[in-house]
Protein backbone atom coordinates (compact mmCIF):
# COMPACT_ATOMS: atom_id res chain seq x y z
CA MET A 1 12.53 16.11 44.66
CA LEU A 2 12.42 14.14 41.31
CA ASN A 3 8.96 14.30 39.65
CA SER A 4 7.11 10.97 37.78
CA GLU A 5 9.48 12.35 34.16
CA SER A 6 12.50 12.86 36.12
CA ALA A 7 12.19 9.33 38.13
CA ILE A 8 11.62 7.64 35.18
CA LEU A 9 14.37 9.47 32.91
CA VAL A 10 16.48 8.42 35.58
CA ILE A 11 15.91 4.64 36.07
CA GLY A 12 16.01 4.62 32.14
CA MET A 13 19.75 6.09 32.17
CA VAL A 14 20.25 3.76 35.22
CA GLN A 15 19.36 0.58 33.26
CA GLY A 16 21.14 1.75 30.07
CA VAL A 17 24.70 2.64 31.84
CA PHE A 18 24.14 -1.15 33.10
CA LEU A 19 23.80 -2.86 29.92
CA VAL A 20 26.70 -0.56 28.22
CA LEU A 21 29.07 -1.63 31.30
CA THR A 22 27.51 -5.42 31.06
CA LEU A 23 28.42 -5.07 27.33
CA MET A 24 32.22 -3.58 27.63
CA ALA A 25 32.65 -6.60 30.44
CA LYS A 26 31.34 -9.58 28.39
CA SER A 27 33.92 -10.78 25.99
CA SER A 28 31.35 -9.89 23.15
CA ASN A 29 32.75 -6.83 22.68
CA LYS A 30 35.08 -8.28 20.58
CA HIS A 31 32.24 -8.23 18.43
CA GLN A 32 31.41 -5.52 15.74
CA ALA A 33 27.86 -5.85 16.76
CA ASN A 34 28.16 -5.41 20.14
CA ARG A 35 30.26 -2.33 19.93
CA TYR A 36 27.64 -0.83 17.39
CA LEU A 37 24.81 -1.78 20.52
CA VAL A 38 27.14 -0.09 23.56
CA LEU A 39 27.26 3.07 21.33
CA LEU A 40 23.69 3.05 20.14
CA LEU A 41 22.88 2.12 24.11
CA SER A 42 25.23 4.94 24.96
CA ALA A 43 23.81 7.29 22.48
CA PHE A 44 20.02 6.89 24.08
CA VAL A 45 21.73 7.26 27.56
CA THR A 46 23.08 10.86 26.43
CA ALA A 47 19.54 11.92 24.76
CA LEU A 48 17.86 10.68 28.10
CA SER A 49 20.29 13.14 30.18
CA ALA A 50 20.21 16.27 28.11
CA GLN A 51 15.49 15.90 28.83
CA TRP A 52 16.95 14.98 32.17
CA LEU A 53 18.42 18.15 32.62
CA SER A 54 15.55 20.26 30.63
CA VAL A 55 12.77 19.08 33.22
CA SER A 56 15.24 19.30 35.88
CA GLY A 57 15.88 23.15 35.41
CA TYR A 58 19.76 22.52 34.69
CA ALA A 59 20.06 23.44 31.16
CA GLU A 60 21.81 26.88 31.26
CA ASN A 61 24.03 25.21 33.95
CA MET A 62 24.91 22.34 31.74
CA LYS A 63 24.86 24.14 28.36
CA PRO A 64 27.33 22.17 26.42
CA LEU A 65 26.30 18.95 27.04
CA LEU A 66 22.84 19.55 26.30
CA VAL A 67 23.89 20.80 22.91
CA ILE A 68 25.67 17.77 22.42
CA ALA A 69 22.25 16.07 23.16
CA SER A 70 20.28 17.83 21.18
CA SER A 71 22.81 16.74 18.31
CA VAL A 72 22.82 12.82 19.17
CA VAL A 73 19.41 11.64 17.60
CA PHE A 74 20.98 11.78 14.40
CA LEU A 75 23.11 8.63 15.32
CA PHE A 76 19.97 6.71 16.34
CA GLY A 77 19.45 5.64 12.88
CA PRO A 78 23.28 5.30 11.46
CA LEU A 79 23.89 2.92 15.00
CA LEU A 80 20.51 1.13 14.53
CA TYR A 81 21.66 0.64 10.52
CA PHE A 82 25.20 -0.55 11.30
CA TYR A 83 23.88 -2.83 14.26
CA VAL A 84 21.72 -4.74 12.28
CA LYS A 85 24.10 -4.72 9.26
CA SER A 86 26.59 -6.78 11.20
CA LEU A 87 24.06 -9.22 12.58
CA THR A 88 22.66 -9.93 9.74
CA LEU A 89 25.62 -9.52 7.61
CA SER A 90 28.97 -10.62 9.35
CA ALA A 91 31.15 -9.29 6.71
CA ALA A 92 29.94 -6.13 6.60
CA LYS A 93 32.26 -3.26 8.01
CA VAL A 94 32.13 0.46 8.16
CA ARG A 95 34.37 1.70 5.26
CA LEU A 96 35.24 5.41 4.15
CA PHE A 97 32.36 5.81 2.42
CA GLY A 98 29.78 4.36 5.41
CA MET A 99 31.15 7.59 7.50
CA LEU A 100 28.92 9.54 5.28
CA HIS A 101 25.55 8.62 7.53
CA ILE A 102 26.83 10.99 10.16
CA VAL A 103 27.19 13.77 8.47
CA PRO A 104 23.39 14.73 9.65
CA PHE A 105 24.63 14.69 13.00
CA CYS A 106 27.93 16.83 12.47
CA CYS A 107 25.61 18.62 10.33
CA TYR A 108 22.89 19.47 13.12
CA LEU A 109 25.53 19.35 16.08
CA ALA A 110 27.61 22.65 14.16
CA LEU A 111 24.35 24.00 13.90
CA ILE A 112 23.35 24.06 17.07
CA ILE A 113 26.85 25.14 18.64
CA TYR A 114 26.47 28.18 16.50
CA ALA A 115 22.73 28.78 17.87
CA ALA A 116 23.84 28.13 21.52
CA PHE A 117 26.71 30.06 21.62
CA PHE A 118 26.96 32.42 19.10
CA SER A 119 23.33 33.70 18.39
CA THR A 120 21.13 34.50 21.56
CA ALA A 121 18.08 34.76 19.64
CA GLU A 122 18.66 30.70 18.76
CA LEU A 123 19.20 30.05 22.22
CA LYS A 124 15.59 28.75 23.02
CA ILE A 125 15.61 25.86 20.37
CA VAL A 126 18.26 24.59 22.90
CA THR A 127 16.62 25.08 26.11
CA ASN A 128 12.90 24.24 25.04
CA GLU A 129 11.63 27.65 26.36
CA SER A 130 8.08 29.18 24.72
CA LEU A 131 7.74 28.34 21.60
CA SER A 132 5.57 31.58 20.90
CA ASN A 133 8.25 33.47 18.23
CA TYR A 134 9.64 30.42 16.75
CA SER A 135 9.60 30.26 13.05
CA ALA A 136 8.48 27.58 10.84
CA ALA A 137 12.19 26.24 10.32
CA GLN A 138 12.64 26.14 13.90
CA LEU A 139 9.44 24.40 14.67
CA LEU A 140 10.26 22.15 11.69
CA LEU A 141 13.67 20.52 12.92
CA PRO A 142 12.19 18.42 15.49
CA LEU A 143 9.93 16.75 12.79
CA LEU A 144 13.32 16.12 10.79
CA LYS A 145 14.97 14.39 13.46
CA LEU A 146 12.04 12.17 13.33
CA ALA A 147 11.77 11.66 10.11
CA HIS A 148 15.40 11.09 10.11
CA VAL A 149 15.35 8.39 12.66
CA ILE A 150 12.03 6.59 10.66
CA SER A 151 13.97 6.44 7.37
CA TYR A 152 16.91 4.40 9.05
CA THR A 153 14.46 2.08 10.94
CA VAL A 154 12.71 1.23 7.89
CA VAL A 155 15.94 0.86 6.04
CA CYS A 156 16.68 -1.92 9.14
CA LEU A 157 13.55 -3.47 9.02
CA VAL A 158 14.06 -4.19 5.29
CA LEU A 159 17.68 -6.24 6.34
CA LEU A 160 15.69 -8.23 8.98
CA ILE A 161 13.09 -9.40 6.31
CA ARG A 162 15.62 -10.74 4.01
CA TYR A 163 17.59 -11.98 6.84
CA ALA A 164 14.87 -13.92 7.88
CA ARG A 165 14.22 -15.33 4.37
CA ARG A 166 17.60 -15.98 3.63
CA ILE A 167 18.40 -18.27 6.88
CA LYS A 168 15.64 -20.34 5.65
CA HIS A 169 17.88 -21.47 2.93
CA SER A 170 20.70 -23.05 4.98
CA PHE A 171 19.26 -23.98 8.46
CA SER A 172 16.58 -26.10 9.85
CA ASN A 173 16.70 -24.55 13.34
CA ILE A 174 16.44 -20.98 13.35
CA ASP A 175 14.60 -20.18 16.77
CA ASN A 176 17.92 -18.71 18.37
CA ILE A 177 18.74 -16.69 14.93
CA ASN A 178 15.89 -15.26 13.06
CA LEU A 179 16.54 -11.92 15.39
CA LEU A 180 12.49 -11.87 15.25
CA TRP A 181 12.94 -9.52 18.81
CA LEU A 182 15.16 -7.08 16.54
CA ARG A 183 12.42 -7.02 13.95
CA ASN A 184 9.46 -7.03 16.51
CA LEU A 185 11.14 -3.78 18.10
CA VAL A 186 11.93 -2.02 15.21
CA ILE A 187 8.57 -2.87 13.77
CA GLY A 188 6.90 -0.95 17.07
CA PHE A 189 9.73 1.79 17.09
CA ILE A 190 8.49 2.77 13.22
CA LEU A 191 4.68 2.87 14.14
CA PHE A 192 5.56 4.96 17.36
CA GLU A 193 7.48 7.59 14.90
CA SER A 194 4.65 7.35 12.22
CA ALA A 195 2.27 7.92 14.68
CA LEU A 196 4.07 11.04 16.46
CA ILE A 197 5.16 12.46 12.87
CA ALA A 198 1.07 11.90 12.34
CA ALA A 199 0.56 14.09 14.67
CA LEU A 200 2.86 16.54 13.92
CA LEU A 201 1.83 17.29 10.73
CA PHE A 202 -1.60 17.32 11.41
CA ASP A 203 -1.29 20.02 14.03
CA LEU A 204 2.49 21.44 13.76
CA ARG A 205 2.07 24.60 17.01
CA ALA A 206 -0.43 22.93 19.27
CA PHE A 207 1.69 19.81 19.77
CA ALA A 208 4.01 21.87 21.57
CA ILE A 209 6.86 20.11 19.50
CA THR A 210 10.25 20.56 21.05
CA SER A 211 8.50 19.89 25.12
CA ASN A 212 6.02 17.46 24.27
CA ALA A 213 7.35 15.25 21.27
CA ASP A 214 11.37 15.38 23.36
CA THR A 215 9.38 13.91 26.74
CA ILE A 216 7.51 10.97 24.54
CA LEU A 217 10.94 10.12 22.59
CA SER A 218 12.41 9.98 25.69
CA PHE A 219 9.95 7.51 27.36
CA VAL A 220 10.64 5.27 24.39
CA LEU A 221 13.87 5.45 24.55
CA VAL A 222 13.35 4.16 28.06
CA LEU A 223 11.37 1.28 27.05
CA LEU A 224 13.72 0.59 24.60
CA ILE A 225 16.34 0.31 26.96
CA PHE A 226 14.51 -1.74 29.30
CA MET A 227 13.30 -4.44 26.46
CA THR A 228 17.50 -4.87 25.54
CA GLY A 229 17.67 -5.65 29.13
CA PHE A 230 14.61 -8.04 29.19
CA TYR A 231 16.06 -9.80 25.70
CA GLY A 232 19.14 -9.66 26.92
CA MET A 233 18.05 -12.22 30.03
CA HIS A 234 15.89 -14.31 28.06
CA GLN A 235 18.22 -14.12 24.67
CA PRO A 236 21.81 -14.19 25.76
CA ALA A 237 22.52 -13.70 22.15
CA ILE A 238 22.41 -9.71 22.87
CA LEU A 239 24.85 -9.91 25.92
CA GLU A 240 26.70 -12.64 24.67
CA ALA A 241 28.60 -12.97 21.63
CA PRO A 242 26.05 -12.58 18.84
CA PHE A 243 25.31 -14.83 16.01
CA GLU A 244 27.47 -13.95 12.98
CA PHE A 245 25.93 -15.55 10.03
CA GLU A 246 29.04 -16.47 8.08
CA THR A 247 30.16 -15.38 4.34
CA SER A 248 30.20 -19.32 3.69
CA ALA A 249 26.56 -19.44 4.65
CA ARG A 250 25.74 -16.56 3.50
CA ASN A 251 26.79 -16.78 0.13
CA ASN A 252 25.54 -20.41 -0.38
CA SER A 253 22.00 -18.99 0.74
CA ASP A 254 22.66 -16.14 -1.69
CA ASN A 255 23.14 -19.28 -3.96
CA SER A 256 19.99 -20.82 -3.01
CA ILE A 257 17.78 -17.88 -3.81
CA ALA A 258 19.64 -17.19 -6.98
CA ALA A 259 19.20 -21.02 -8.04
CA GLN A 260 15.68 -20.95 -6.44
CA ASN A 261 14.38 -17.72 -9.03
CA ASP A 262 16.43 -19.80 -11.58
CA ALA A 263 14.35 -22.87 -11.17
CA ARG A 264 11.00 -20.91 -11.36
CA ILE A 265 11.77 -19.86 -15.09
CA ALA A 266 13.95 -23.26 -16.37
CA GLY A 267 11.82 -25.62 -13.47
CA PRO A 268 14.02 -28.76 -12.59
CA LYS A 269 15.73 -29.20 -16.08
CA ASN A 270 18.54 -27.01 -14.24
CA LEU A 271 19.65 -30.49 -12.85
CA ARG A 272 20.79 -33.50 -15.36
CA THR A 273 18.44 -36.70 -14.81
CA GLU A 274 20.90 -38.63 -13.52
CA ASP A 275 21.79 -35.95 -9.94
CA ILE A 276 17.96 -35.49 -10.18
CA SER A 277 17.75 -39.64 -9.22
CA MET A 278 20.84 -39.67 -7.54
CA ILE A 279 20.12 -36.69 -5.07
CA SER A 280 15.96 -38.60 -4.54
CA ASN A 281 17.47 -42.02 -3.42
CA LYS A 282 20.12 -40.82 -0.89
CA LEU A 283 17.54 -38.49 0.62
CA GLU A 284 15.15 -41.41 0.92
CA ALA A 285 18.07 -43.17 2.63
CA LEU A 286 18.71 -40.19 4.96
CA LYS A 287 15.41 -39.85 5.53
CA SER A 288 15.43 -43.54 6.63
CA GLN A 289 17.86 -42.97 9.11
CA ARG A 290 16.42 -39.96 10.40
CA ILE A 291 18.97 -37.44 9.87
CA TYR A 292 16.75 -34.96 10.66
CA LEU A 293 16.15 -35.60 14.42
CA ASP A 294 19.51 -33.98 14.07
CA ARG A 295 18.30 -29.75 15.55
CA PHE A 296 21.74 -28.75 14.26
CA LEU A 297 20.98 -30.02 10.85
CA ASN A 298 22.02 -27.04 8.05
CA LEU A 299 22.21 -27.53 4.35
CA GLN A 300 26.42 -27.76 4.53
CA THR A 301 25.89 -30.95 6.23
CA LEU A 302 22.97 -32.31 4.53
CA SER A 303 25.04 -31.37 0.83
CA ASP A 304 28.09 -33.25 2.38
CA LEU A 305 26.20 -36.70 3.06
CA VAL A 306 24.70 -36.38 -0.08
CA GLY A 307 27.66 -35.73 -2.07
CA VAL A 308 26.80 -32.69 -3.82
CA SER A 309 27.35 -28.49 -3.88
CA GLN A 310 25.16 -26.49 -1.59
CA HIS A 311 23.96 -25.20 -4.96
CA LYS A 312 22.87 -28.07 -6.52
CA MET A 313 21.28 -29.02 -3.37
CA SER A 314 19.45 -25.73 -3.06
CA GLU A 315 18.66 -26.29 -6.67
CA TYR A 316 16.84 -29.53 -6.20
CA LEU A 317 15.11 -28.90 -3.31
CA ASN A 318 13.47 -25.61 -4.62
CA SER A 319 13.10 -26.52 -8.16
CA HIS A 320 11.95 -30.47 -7.96
CA ILE A 321 10.67 -30.69 -4.30
CA GLY A 322 9.60 -26.86 -3.98
CA MET A 323 10.57 -25.83 -0.58
CA THR A 324 13.26 -24.63 0.94
CA PHE A 325 15.55 -26.14 3.28
CA TYR A 326 14.09 -25.31 5.85
CA GLU A 327 10.82 -26.48 4.98
CA TYR A 328 12.43 -29.63 4.11
CA VAL A 329 13.63 -30.68 6.84
CA ASN A 330 10.87 -29.46 8.91
CA LYS A 331 8.32 -31.56 7.01
CA ALA A 332 10.29 -34.67 7.86
CA ARG A 333 10.21 -33.66 11.50
CA ILE A 334 6.29 -33.38 11.37
CA GLU A 335 5.43 -36.70 9.53
CA ASP A 336 7.72 -38.42 12.71
CA ALA A 337 5.85 -36.39 14.94
CA LYS A 338 2.39 -37.35 13.81
CA GLN A 339 2.88 -40.61 14.13
CA ARG A 340 4.35 -40.29 17.56
CA LEU A 341 1.12 -38.52 18.34
CA ILE A 342 -0.95 -41.39 17.27
CA ASP A 343 0.73 -44.11 18.52
CA SER A 344 2.33 -42.83 21.52
CA GLN A 345 1.37 -41.03 24.76
CA GLN A 346 4.56 -38.69 24.45
CA SER A 347 4.00 -35.23 25.85
CA ILE A 348 4.28 -32.93 23.09
CA LEU A 349 7.00 -30.76 24.45
CA ASP A 350 8.79 -34.52 24.67
CA ILE A 351 7.64 -35.47 20.99
CA ALA A 352 8.89 -31.58 20.19
CA LEU A 353 12.68 -31.92 21.11
CA ASP A 354 13.00 -35.87 19.88
CA VAL A 355 12.19 -34.56 16.42
CA GLY A 356 14.54 -31.80 16.02
CA PHE A 357 12.82 -28.61 17.28
CA ASN A 358 14.07 -26.78 19.51
CA ASN A 359 10.81 -25.47 21.62
CA LYS A 360 7.30 -26.43 21.90
CA ALA A 361 6.09 -23.22 20.40
CA THR A 362 8.04 -23.25 17.15
CA PHE A 363 7.15 -27.35 16.97
CA ASN A 364 3.13 -26.23 16.92
CA LYS A 365 3.46 -23.58 14.87
CA ALA A 366 5.52 -25.82 12.00
CA PHE A 367 2.83 -28.63 12.87
CA LYS A 368 0.33 -26.04 11.94
CA SER A 369 1.57 -24.55 8.89
CA PHE A 370 1.84 -28.52 7.49
CA GLU A 371 -1.41 -29.68 9.13
CA SER A 372 -3.92 -26.65 9.37
CA ALA A 373 -4.04 -28.29 13.02
CA THR A 374 -2.47 -28.11 16.14
CA PRO A 375 -0.46 -31.53 17.49
CA SER A 376 -3.04 -31.49 20.44
CA GLU A 377 -6.05 -31.14 17.49
CA PHE A 378 -4.42 -33.53 15.53
CA ARG A 379 -4.07 -35.83 18.50
CA CYS A 380 -7.92 -35.32 19.87
CA ARG A 381 -8.96 -36.23 16.35
CA ASN A 382 -7.04 -39.34 15.27
CA LYS A 383 -8.37 -40.72 18.89
CA ALA A 384 -11.90 -39.85 18.19
CA GLN A 385 -11.59 -41.48 14.74
CA ALA A 386 -9.77 -44.73 16.36
CA ARG A 387 -13.15 -44.88 18.88
């Protein structure tokens, strides 16, 4: 009969298997990022299976699976890193040097196999029995697992933050490509890991590491699996073909950032006076044509219309206007929206969609960043002044 802990683990395993099968059945399994996601979810399910065997009393009968599963934690970090890297850098590939990431897993697996099959005294590490006779080294093994995972999640967070900055130099709408859901999951996981490590360091033995820590970590894995399923339904980019930041766009964004850094040093003099005048005039003409209403407008399209390279366009926006491409386009959209809020009775959602935003939430956030007020507050304030 299942107790509450076993039931939660079984539900998590079933959900994980369902997501793995769904990803494999979709055409997205051709994408490198989703292949890593399949492997990561499979690792989660394997770890949950081991914990379920342990709490259900089947550990002795399923020793081989338990041995492998106890080592799979060392794959969480590398697989998450490969997944994030393949989402944020489409040209990223795991080369031979990248295989070094799985060395800790191989070493720990070899150690645990020896402990399980060749050393009776060490078998307790695998079967989670009493901690009373454990050495300090044995007690530190779970702490080592957590430290390994948290180091990778921190690196993943850095990659996601850099990616979020980079896409603002090439795209005017980033709702579907900003990977905010993944960044929030990573931040949440880091906070959990940090709290657990702090608790372990505070009272190493009293915390009953190999029992309680594994149980808590298993519940977190169940939560991560369900969060992935939730975002899979609300943001199909997980279960469908994930957004790939094209190499050309990435290089152009890197050039944009380089141009911005150069501009801070040399100022707008990097562009010739005639270039500045020409770009300024053409941008004003395009703005009068309301090109910003195109919600798919990107740096490539704008540069082609102006007749300059993306590098020059980025340099102009960063040094002469003092904005990223994302900020420049959305400022024009906000100016248009302000006039509509004053002159029309359109709903805020309709205005948001009409001026090029994908949804009301993004519109509200952008509007407040430029006007220090929400669209509703702006409209009410102007109505009050008109009376």
